[in-house]
């Protein structure tokens, strides 16, 4: 995988500048440290809870609860199994998704942003990466969807940035 993105300085705010500007602690990376996207596989913990509830309800029925509680057992089982199936491990991190999106574009990428979404009934993790060309102001933009489990590019979309929008960004 080749990296066509020119080296840009990272956006960093020193602790002194953050303190001087009165940056709240919940926005200050010097206090919080780097952000890490939680792994959707945590859903499996909820699956254990539902399966445990199904087992406890079944035991309760054996001890004298009404027979209609089988419906509750079935619902708990269904929800628990769904949580196990939908708890896919996120193998591709945000930085990897940005690099994959960069390589998928036919123009040098400047600014980019990634957000994690979920596709389909089983909530497959998918990174949606918005990219802009490296020229100033950007003349191209695109969306790259990267599978969060395999790292495969699901789909891409590119378009030129309309001149009216280029003028707005040039004024900033």
Foldseek 3Di string as FASTA:
>chain_A
DDALAPDDDDDADDPVNCVVVVPDLVPHCVNVPDDWDDWLLVLLVVLVVLQVVLVVLVVVVVVPDDPVCVVVSVVSNVSSVLSNQLRDTQPATPVLLVRLVCVPDPAHWYDKDWDWFFDDPSGFIKIWMWTFHNDQPTQKIKIWIAGRRPRDTPDMDMDTDDPVVSVVRNVD
